[in-house]
N, C-alpha and C. Protein backbone atom coordinates (compact mmCIF):
# COMPACT_ATOMS: atom_id res chain seq x y z
N UNK A 1 37.65 2.49 9.34
CA UNK A 1 36.43 1.99 8.35
C UNK A 1 35.22 2.71 8.70
N UNK A 2 34.67 3.15 7.78
CA UNK A 2 33.32 3.96 7.75
C UNK A 2 32.22 3.10 8.05
N UNK A 3 31.46 3.58 8.98
CA UNK A 3 30.24 2.78 9.62
C UNK A 3 29.14 3.08 8.79
N UNK A 4 28.28 2.18 8.43
CA UNK A 4 27.27 2.29 7.29
C UNK A 4 26.17 3.22 7.91
N UNK A 5 25.18 3.95 7.28
CA UNK A 5 24.30 4.77 7.70
C UNK A 5 23.19 3.92 8.80
N UNK A 6 22.74 3.13 8.30
CA UNK A 6 21.76 2.16 9.13
C UNK A 6 22.29 2.01 10.53
N UNK A 7 23.57 1.63 10.65
CA UNK A 7 24.23 1.30 11.88
C UNK A 7 24.26 2.38 12.71
N UNK A 8 24.62 3.61 12.15
CA UNK A 8 24.62 4.77 12.71
C UNK A 8 23.33 5.36 13.35
N UNK A 9 22.41 5.04 12.55
CA UNK A 9 21.10 5.54 12.98
C UNK A 9 20.51 4.64 14.09
N UNK A 10 20.82 3.35 13.96
CA UNK A 10 20.52 2.48 15.15
C UNK A 10 21.17 2.78 16.28
N UNK A 11 22.33 3.54 16.31
CA UNK A 11 23.10 3.48 17.48
C UNK A 11 22.61 5.08 18.18
N UNK A 12 21.69 5.58 17.68
CA UNK A 12 21.13 6.81 18.22
C UNK A 12 20.34 6.44 19.52
N UNK A 13 20.57 7.14 20.52
CA UNK A 13 19.90 6.84 21.74
C UNK A 13 18.38 7.49 21.94
N UNK A 14 18.00 8.05 20.90
CA UNK A 14 16.50 8.41 20.96
C UNK A 14 16.23 9.61 21.67
N UNK A 15 17.41 10.44 21.95
CA UNK A 15 17.20 11.64 22.80
C UNK A 15 18.06 12.71 22.28
N UNK A 16 19.15 12.71 22.09
CA UNK A 16 20.37 13.57 21.66
C UNK A 16 20.13 13.89 20.32
N UNK A 17 19.73 14.97 19.94
CA UNK A 17 19.75 15.29 18.41
C UNK A 17 21.05 15.93 18.02
N UNK A 18 22.04 16.16 18.76
CA UNK A 18 23.39 16.53 18.49
C UNK A 18 24.05 15.34 17.76
N UNK A 19 23.68 14.34 18.16
CA UNK A 19 24.10 12.96 17.49
C UNK A 19 23.80 12.89 16.02
N UNK A 20 22.54 13.21 15.75
CA UNK A 20 21.79 13.11 14.50
C UNK A 20 22.21 14.30 13.60
N UNK A 21 22.55 15.42 14.20
CA UNK A 21 22.94 16.62 13.39
C UNK A 21 24.48 16.22 13.05
N UNK A 22 25.36 15.56 13.84
CA UNK A 22 26.54 15.17 13.45
C UNK A 22 26.54 14.14 12.13
N UNK A 23 25.71 13.02 12.42
CA UNK A 23 25.36 12.16 11.32
C UNK A 23 24.93 12.97 9.94
N UNK A 24 23.92 13.89 10.08
CA UNK A 24 23.54 14.57 8.83
C UNK A 24 24.79 15.21 8.25
N UNK A 25 25.57 16.03 9.05
CA UNK A 25 26.56 16.95 8.38
C UNK A 25 27.73 16.16 7.91
N UNK A 26 28.04 14.87 8.41
CA UNK A 26 29.06 14.17 7.91
C UNK A 26 28.54 13.26 6.54
N UNK A 27 27.12 13.14 6.24
CA UNK A 27 26.79 12.63 5.16
C UNK A 27 26.07 13.22 4.11
N UNK A 28 25.75 14.44 4.36
CA UNK A 28 24.78 15.30 3.62
C UNK A 28 25.39 15.46 2.24
N UNK A 29 26.61 15.68 2.09
CA UNK A 29 27.29 15.72 0.74
C UNK A 29 27.57 14.48 -0.14
N UNK A 30 27.17 13.50 0.68
CA UNK A 30 27.27 12.09 -0.24
C UNK A 30 26.00 12.01 -1.11
N UNK A 31 26.15 11.73 -2.26
CA UNK A 31 25.03 11.90 -3.35
C UNK A 31 23.95 10.82 -3.15
N UNK A 32 24.38 9.74 -2.41
CA UNK A 32 23.40 8.73 -2.11
C UNK A 32 22.87 8.76 -0.82
N UNK A 33 23.15 9.69 0.07
CA UNK A 33 22.67 9.96 1.29
C UNK A 33 21.10 9.81 1.54
N UNK A 34 20.48 10.76 0.78
CA UNK A 34 18.98 10.79 0.87
C UNK A 34 18.18 9.45 0.24
N UNK A 35 18.80 8.95 -0.82
CA UNK A 35 18.09 7.54 -1.38
C UNK A 35 18.42 6.53 -0.26
N UNK A 36 19.57 6.56 0.40
CA UNK A 36 19.79 5.70 1.29
C UNK A 36 18.80 5.75 2.59
N UNK A 37 18.61 7.15 3.00
CA UNK A 37 17.91 7.40 4.05
C UNK A 37 16.33 7.07 3.91
N UNK A 38 16.07 7.52 2.74
CA UNK A 38 14.38 7.21 2.31
C UNK A 38 14.33 5.65 2.15
N UNK A 39 15.35 5.05 1.68
CA UNK A 39 15.12 3.39 1.77
C UNK A 39 15.00 2.95 3.06
N UNK A 40 15.77 3.35 3.98
CA UNK A 40 15.62 3.02 5.40
C UNK A 40 14.36 3.46 6.05
N UNK A 41 13.83 4.68 5.83
CA UNK A 41 12.53 5.32 5.99
C UNK A 41 11.49 4.22 5.61
N UNK A 42 11.58 3.85 4.44
CA UNK A 42 10.57 2.89 3.75
C UNK A 42 10.51 1.44 4.25
N UNK A 43 11.67 1.06 4.42
CA UNK A 43 11.99 -0.57 4.78
C UNK A 43 12.06 -0.86 6.30
N UNK A 44 12.42 0.09 7.25
CA UNK A 44 12.64 -0.31 8.53
C UNK A 44 11.69 0.48 9.34
N UNK A 45 10.96 -0.02 10.03
CA UNK A 45 9.94 0.46 10.84
C UNK A 45 10.67 1.07 12.08
N UNK A 46 11.61 0.49 12.65
CA UNK A 46 12.30 1.04 13.86
C UNK A 46 13.06 2.36 13.50
N UNK A 47 13.59 2.58 12.18
CA UNK A 47 14.27 3.60 11.77
C UNK A 47 13.41 4.81 11.27
N UNK A 48 11.89 4.74 11.39
CA UNK A 48 11.02 5.68 10.93
C UNK A 48 11.34 7.03 11.78
N UNK A 49 11.40 7.08 12.76
CA UNK A 49 11.51 8.19 13.54
C UNK A 49 12.77 9.00 13.19
N UNK A 50 13.80 8.32 13.32
CA UNK A 50 15.26 9.10 13.07
C UNK A 50 15.31 9.47 11.60
N UNK A 51 14.89 8.83 10.68
CA UNK A 51 15.10 8.98 9.22
C UNK A 51 14.02 10.24 8.95
N UNK A 52 12.96 10.15 9.47
CA UNK A 52 11.86 11.37 9.40
C UNK A 52 12.43 12.61 10.07
N UNK A 53 13.13 12.38 11.18
CA UNK A 53 13.76 13.47 11.85
C UNK A 53 14.87 14.09 10.83
N UNK A 54 15.65 13.23 10.33
CA UNK A 54 16.73 13.83 9.64
C UNK A 54 16.17 14.32 8.12
N UNK A 55 15.08 13.97 7.57
CA UNK A 55 14.50 14.63 6.38
C UNK A 55 14.04 15.96 6.91
N UNK A 56 13.27 16.06 8.01
CA UNK A 56 12.73 17.27 8.52
C UNK A 56 13.93 18.37 8.56
N UNK A 57 15.15 17.96 9.23
CA UNK A 57 16.31 18.70 9.69
C UNK A 57 16.68 19.14 8.29
N UNK A 58 16.69 18.49 7.26
CA UNK A 58 17.15 18.81 5.92
C UNK A 58 16.31 20.21 5.28
N UNK A 59 15.07 19.99 5.54
CA UNK A 59 14.23 21.06 5.07
C UNK A 59 14.20 22.33 6.15
N UNK A 60 14.44 22.12 7.28
CA UNK A 60 14.38 23.19 8.24
C UNK A 60 15.72 24.05 7.98
N UNK A 61 16.64 23.50 7.12
CA UNK A 61 17.85 24.19 6.92
C UNK A 61 17.75 24.63 5.44
N UNK A 62 16.47 24.91 5.00
CA UNK A 62 16.07 25.46 3.72
C UNK A 62 16.88 24.76 2.37
N UNK A 63 16.66 23.27 2.57
CA UNK A 63 17.13 22.54 1.73
C UNK A 63 15.87 21.82 1.20
N UNK A 64 16.01 20.86 0.01
CA UNK A 64 14.83 20.17 -0.43
C UNK A 64 15.32 18.83 -1.12
N UNK A 65 14.38 18.05 -1.35
CA UNK A 65 14.43 16.75 -1.94
C UNK A 65 13.87 16.87 -3.28
N UNK A 66 14.17 15.83 -4.31
CA UNK A 66 13.55 15.93 -5.49
C UNK A 66 12.16 15.35 -5.22
N UNK A 67 11.28 15.66 -6.36
CA UNK A 67 9.87 15.35 -6.30
C UNK A 67 9.81 13.84 -6.26
N UNK A 68 10.69 13.09 -6.98
CA UNK A 68 10.67 11.59 -6.76
C UNK A 68 10.94 11.13 -5.33
N UNK A 69 11.64 11.83 -4.58
CA UNK A 69 11.99 11.23 -3.31
C UNK A 69 10.73 11.78 -2.51
N UNK A 70 10.29 12.75 -2.85
CA UNK A 70 8.92 13.38 -2.00
C UNK A 70 7.85 12.34 -2.17
N UNK A 71 7.79 12.00 -3.36
CA UNK A 71 6.46 11.02 -3.65
C UNK A 71 6.96 9.62 -2.90
N UNK A 72 8.14 9.19 -2.77
CA UNK A 72 8.45 8.02 -2.02
C UNK A 72 8.10 8.27 -0.73
N UNK A 73 8.53 9.33 0.00
CA UNK A 73 8.12 9.56 1.32
C UNK A 73 6.49 9.40 1.61
N UNK A 74 6.06 10.30 0.73
CA UNK A 74 4.48 10.53 1.08
C UNK A 74 3.69 8.89 0.70
N UNK A 75 4.25 8.18 -0.17
CA UNK A 75 3.80 6.97 -0.48
C UNK A 75 3.50 5.90 0.80
N UNK A 76 4.53 6.28 1.98
CA UNK A 76 4.48 5.53 3.13
C UNK A 76 3.87 5.91 4.19
N UNK A 77 3.27 7.11 4.12
CA UNK A 77 2.69 7.86 5.46
C UNK A 77 1.66 6.95 6.08
N UNK A 78 0.86 6.16 5.42
CA UNK A 78 -0.07 5.22 6.09
C UNK A 78 0.59 4.06 6.97
N UNK A 79 1.99 4.05 6.90
CA UNK A 79 2.75 3.12 7.55
C UNK A 79 3.62 3.38 8.70
N UNK A 80 3.33 4.74 8.94
CA UNK A 80 4.13 5.37 10.08
C UNK A 80 3.45 5.12 11.33
N UNK A 81 4.37 4.33 11.98
CA UNK A 81 3.77 3.78 13.35
C UNK A 81 3.98 4.84 14.72
N UNK A 82 5.15 5.64 14.68
CA UNK A 82 5.56 6.46 15.79
C UNK A 82 4.93 7.64 15.60
N UNK A 83 4.26 8.25 16.65
CA UNK A 83 3.66 9.71 16.54
C UNK A 83 4.59 10.71 16.04
N UNK A 84 6.13 10.72 16.60
CA UNK A 84 6.86 11.71 16.03
C UNK A 84 7.34 11.56 14.52
N UNK A 85 7.16 10.35 14.06
CA UNK A 85 7.35 10.18 12.63
C UNK A 85 6.30 10.68 11.96
N UNK A 86 4.97 10.39 12.26
CA UNK A 86 3.80 11.22 11.90
C UNK A 86 3.76 12.95 11.91
N UNK A 87 4.48 13.23 13.09
CA UNK A 87 4.45 14.57 13.34
C UNK A 87 5.58 15.19 12.24
N UNK A 88 6.65 14.63 12.17
CA UNK A 88 7.85 15.16 11.14
C UNK A 88 7.08 15.13 9.72
N UNK A 89 6.49 14.18 9.23
CA UNK A 89 5.93 14.22 8.02
C UNK A 89 4.95 15.22 7.85
N UNK A 90 3.96 15.28 8.62
CA UNK A 90 2.75 16.49 8.70
C UNK A 90 3.57 17.69 8.71
N UNK A 91 4.47 17.93 9.40
CA UNK A 91 5.25 19.29 9.31
C UNK A 91 5.75 19.76 7.83
N UNK A 92 6.19 18.51 7.37
CA UNK A 92 6.82 18.80 6.09
C UNK A 92 5.88 18.84 4.81
N UNK A 93 4.82 18.54 5.04
CA UNK A 93 3.72 18.56 3.80
C UNK A 93 3.78 19.90 3.32
N UNK A 94 3.37 20.95 4.21
CA UNK A 94 3.40 22.37 3.63
C UNK A 94 4.56 22.59 2.73
N UNK A 95 5.78 22.12 3.04
CA UNK A 95 6.96 22.46 2.11
C UNK A 95 7.04 21.70 1.01
N UNK A 96 6.37 20.46 0.91
CA UNK A 96 6.59 19.81 -0.36
C UNK A 96 5.70 20.54 -1.52
N UNK A 97 5.97 20.18 -2.79
CA UNK A 97 5.27 20.64 -3.76
C UNK A 97 4.39 19.52 -4.12
N UNK A 98 3.12 19.68 -3.57
CA UNK A 98 2.17 18.49 -3.97
C UNK A 98 1.44 18.60 -5.27
N UNK A 99 1.18 17.51 -5.69
CA UNK A 99 -0.01 17.71 -6.89
C UNK A 99 -1.12 16.91 -6.40
N UNK A 100 -2.09 16.87 -7.20
CA UNK A 100 -3.30 16.41 -7.08
C UNK A 100 -3.44 15.01 -6.63
N UNK A 101 -2.62 14.21 -7.27
CA UNK A 101 -2.43 12.63 -6.94
C UNK A 101 -1.93 12.65 -5.55
N UNK A 102 -0.91 13.23 -5.17
CA UNK A 102 -0.40 13.15 -3.76
C UNK A 102 -1.09 13.57 -2.81
N UNK A 103 -1.99 14.72 -3.04
CA UNK A 103 -2.85 15.13 -2.12
C UNK A 103 -3.87 14.02 -1.92
N UNK A 104 -4.41 13.48 -3.01
CA UNK A 104 -5.58 12.38 -2.84
C UNK A 104 -4.77 11.12 -1.96
N UNK A 105 -3.65 10.81 -2.14
CA UNK A 105 -3.02 9.72 -1.54
C UNK A 105 -2.87 9.84 -0.10
N UNK A 106 -2.43 11.02 0.34
CA UNK A 106 -2.14 11.39 1.75
C UNK A 106 -3.49 11.87 2.52
N UNK A 107 -4.55 12.19 1.91
CA UNK A 107 -5.87 12.68 2.47
C UNK A 107 -6.08 11.73 3.69
N UNK A 108 -6.25 10.48 3.46
CA UNK A 108 -6.75 9.47 4.46
C UNK A 108 -5.72 9.37 5.69
N UNK A 109 -4.52 9.66 5.45
CA UNK A 109 -3.52 9.59 6.55
C UNK A 109 -3.67 10.88 7.32
N UNK A 110 -3.88 12.06 6.72
CA UNK A 110 -4.10 13.28 7.49
C UNK A 110 -5.31 13.38 8.23
N UNK A 111 -6.50 12.86 7.66
CA UNK A 111 -7.70 12.71 8.20
C UNK A 111 -7.63 11.88 9.59
N UNK A 112 -6.92 10.89 9.40
CA UNK A 112 -6.65 9.97 10.75
C UNK A 112 -5.91 10.55 11.68
N UNK A 113 -4.82 11.39 11.34
CA UNK A 113 -3.99 12.12 12.19
C UNK A 113 -4.78 13.45 13.13
N UNK A 114 -5.67 13.96 12.26
CA UNK A 114 -6.70 14.84 12.94
C UNK A 114 -7.31 14.38 14.23
N UNK A 115 -7.27 13.17 14.37
CA UNK A 115 -7.85 12.43 15.69
C UNK A 115 -6.70 12.14 16.67
N UNK A 116 -5.59 12.41 16.43
CA UNK A 116 -4.57 11.96 17.14
C UNK A 116 -4.58 12.57 18.55
N UNK A 117 -4.28 11.88 19.62
CA UNK A 117 -4.26 12.32 21.20
C UNK A 117 -2.99 13.25 21.26
N UNK A 118 -2.12 13.21 20.42
CA UNK A 118 -0.90 14.04 20.59
C UNK A 118 -1.33 15.53 19.87
N UNK A 119 -1.12 16.56 20.82
CA UNK A 119 -1.75 17.74 20.21
C UNK A 119 -0.75 18.28 19.19
N UNK A 120 0.47 18.01 19.25
CA UNK A 120 1.37 18.56 18.06
C UNK A 120 1.14 17.92 16.87
N UNK A 121 0.85 16.55 16.91
CA UNK A 121 0.36 15.91 15.72
C UNK A 121 -0.91 16.45 15.10
N UNK A 122 -1.85 16.65 15.97
CA UNK A 122 -3.16 17.19 15.46
C UNK A 122 -3.17 18.63 14.88
N UNK A 123 -2.19 19.35 15.61
CA UNK A 123 -1.98 20.74 15.17
C UNK A 123 -1.46 20.81 13.53
N UNK A 124 -0.50 19.97 13.56
CA UNK A 124 0.21 19.88 12.26
C UNK A 124 -0.56 19.04 11.18
N UNK A 125 -1.43 18.25 11.46
CA UNK A 125 -2.62 17.88 10.77
C UNK A 125 -3.46 18.76 10.13
N UNK A 126 -3.66 19.48 11.06
CA UNK A 126 -4.63 20.70 10.31
C UNK A 126 -3.94 21.41 9.34
N UNK A 127 -2.75 22.00 9.54
CA UNK A 127 -2.04 22.56 8.42
C UNK A 127 -1.74 21.52 7.29
N UNK A 128 -1.42 20.37 7.38
CA UNK A 128 -1.25 19.62 6.25
C UNK A 128 -2.67 19.33 5.52
N UNK A 129 -3.65 19.27 6.19
CA UNK A 129 -4.95 19.09 5.49
C UNK A 129 -5.29 20.23 4.77
N UNK A 130 -4.91 21.50 5.18
CA UNK A 130 -5.08 22.80 4.29
C UNK A 130 -4.39 22.62 3.03
N UNK A 131 -3.20 22.11 2.98
CA UNK A 131 -2.53 21.82 1.82
C UNK A 131 -3.30 21.16 0.79
N UNK A 132 -3.91 19.94 1.34
CA UNK A 132 -4.73 19.08 0.53
C UNK A 132 -5.93 19.71 0.06
N UNK A 133 -6.42 20.63 0.90
CA UNK A 133 -7.70 21.38 0.40
C UNK A 133 -7.40 22.46 -0.73
N UNK A 134 -6.20 22.87 -0.64
CA UNK A 134 -5.87 23.98 -1.61
C UNK A 134 -5.91 23.34 -2.95
N UNK A 135 -5.59 21.98 -3.12
CA UNK A 135 -5.55 21.27 -4.25
C UNK A 135 -6.94 20.61 -4.78
N UNK A 136 -7.84 20.28 -3.66
CA UNK A 136 -9.08 19.78 -3.84
C UNK A 136 -10.12 20.71 -3.20
N UNK A 137 -10.54 21.83 -3.89
CA UNK A 137 -11.39 22.75 -3.35
C UNK A 137 -12.84 22.28 -3.00
N UNK A 138 -13.04 20.93 -3.30
CA UNK A 138 -14.39 20.35 -2.90
C UNK A 138 -14.43 19.99 -1.55
N UNK A 139 -13.28 20.21 -0.80
CA UNK A 139 -12.99 19.68 0.57
C UNK A 139 -13.39 21.02 1.53
N UNK A 140 -13.38 22.04 0.88
CA UNK A 140 -13.18 23.32 1.67
C UNK A 140 -14.32 23.55 2.76
N UNK A 141 -15.54 23.23 2.24
CA UNK A 141 -16.63 23.45 3.22
C UNK A 141 -16.60 22.45 4.29
N UNK A 142 -16.23 21.36 4.04
CA UNK A 142 -16.20 20.27 5.06
C UNK A 142 -15.02 20.62 6.11
N UNK A 143 -14.04 20.93 5.57
CA UNK A 143 -12.78 21.40 6.31
C UNK A 143 -13.09 22.61 7.28
N UNK A 144 -13.69 23.43 6.56
CA UNK A 144 -14.04 24.71 7.49
C UNK A 144 -14.88 24.28 8.66
N UNK A 145 -15.92 23.49 8.32
CA UNK A 145 -16.71 23.04 9.50
C UNK A 145 -15.99 22.31 10.48
N UNK A 146 -14.98 21.52 10.01
CA UNK A 146 -14.17 20.81 10.98
C UNK A 146 -13.39 21.76 11.87
N UNK A 147 -12.82 22.83 11.21
CA UNK A 147 -12.04 23.91 11.84
C UNK A 147 -12.95 24.67 12.76
N UNK A 148 -13.99 24.92 12.43
CA UNK A 148 -14.93 25.67 13.25
C UNK A 148 -15.42 24.86 14.61
N UNK A 149 -15.42 23.48 14.39
CA UNK A 149 -15.84 22.54 15.54
C UNK A 149 -14.41 22.54 16.60
N UNK A 150 -13.29 22.38 15.70
CA UNK A 150 -11.94 22.48 16.56
C UNK A 150 -11.90 23.81 17.55
N UNK A 151 -12.47 24.81 16.88
CA UNK A 151 -12.22 26.06 17.93
C UNK A 151 -13.24 26.03 19.07
N UNK A 152 -14.30 24.98 19.00
CA UNK A 152 -14.99 24.80 20.14
C UNK A 152 -14.50 23.92 21.09
N UNK A 153 -13.67 22.77 20.81
CA UNK A 153 -13.33 21.81 21.74
C UNK A 153 -11.84 21.55 21.83
N UNK A 154 -11.10 22.08 21.13
CA UNK A 154 -9.65 21.75 21.13
C UNK A 154 -8.80 22.72 22.19
N UNK A 155 -7.55 22.21 22.25
CA UNK A 155 -6.81 22.96 23.32
C UNK A 155 -6.28 24.46 22.49
N UNK A 156 -5.80 25.30 23.50
CA UNK A 156 -5.45 26.52 23.14
C UNK A 156 -4.40 26.40 21.97
N UNK A 157 -3.39 25.66 21.93
CA UNK A 157 -2.27 25.62 20.91
C UNK A 157 -2.99 25.18 19.48
N UNK A 158 -3.92 24.18 19.64
CA UNK A 158 -4.49 23.72 18.36
C UNK A 158 -5.57 24.71 17.77
N UNK A 159 -6.25 25.51 18.66
CA UNK A 159 -7.11 26.53 18.17
C UNK A 159 -6.24 27.63 17.51
N UNK A 160 -5.06 28.19 18.09
CA UNK A 160 -4.29 29.05 17.55
C UNK A 160 -3.88 28.81 16.01
N UNK A 161 -3.64 27.41 15.81
CA UNK A 161 -3.21 27.05 14.58
C UNK A 161 -4.52 27.02 13.43
N UNK A 162 -5.62 26.50 14.15
CA UNK A 162 -6.87 26.50 13.40
C UNK A 162 -7.36 27.95 13.07
N UNK A 163 -7.30 28.94 14.01
CA UNK A 163 -7.72 30.23 13.66
C UNK A 163 -6.97 30.91 12.33
N UNK A 164 -5.58 30.52 12.38
CA UNK A 164 -4.78 31.10 11.03
C UNK A 164 -5.17 30.18 9.88
N UNK A 165 -5.67 29.07 10.03
CA UNK A 165 -5.99 28.17 8.75
C UNK A 165 -7.44 28.71 8.33
N UNK A 166 -8.37 29.08 9.22
CA UNK A 166 -9.54 29.70 9.02
C UNK A 166 -9.50 31.02 7.96
N UNK A 167 -8.56 31.88 8.46
CA UNK A 167 -8.14 33.01 7.60
C UNK A 167 -7.69 32.76 6.29
N UNK A 168 -6.76 31.82 6.23
CA UNK A 168 -6.27 31.38 4.86
C UNK A 168 -7.35 30.76 4.08
N UNK A 169 -8.32 30.00 4.70
CA UNK A 169 -9.39 29.55 4.00
C UNK A 169 -10.21 30.39 3.07
N UNK A 170 -10.45 31.55 3.90
CA UNK A 170 -11.25 32.63 3.27
C UNK A 170 -10.70 33.36 2.11
N UNK A 171 -9.36 33.29 2.03
CA UNK A 171 -8.56 33.69 0.85
C UNK A 171 -8.26 32.77 -0.21
N UNK A 172 -8.71 31.58 -0.11
CA UNK A 172 -8.46 30.42 -1.06
C UNK A 172 -9.52 30.77 -2.21
């Protein structure tokens, strides 16, 4: 008997990604897999970390989702409770084909994560915010000032990301 996706995801130990890779590979060809995965992402707070990981894994292997699926994912960012879920979605934003409406809807979430205590989240938030700024040029000056301030006070890993973003900002 085939175990349903929700049960499989609930059985993940929270550590070993080999298990998640196996779930992904055994379900990726199912045409309803991503709709089910996104439904679980939207409806079950306890599964946000694992579902966002699987979505990111899909993109890490040069695959994409439909624009409708992306809109659903982004519509829920303000409800992400776990920092790893936030990180996964922030890392995905540069891969998504954003429009101005999506950019405006995710901007408050990204601004909030720019204040995260988790360095990886904060670094990913800078990159994600750059994607918003590309669509909303009126934010460019403020964002550049934020980046310059980050160069003064952030850790080396964040400074490295921010330096690259400042370079990109000058060419936008």
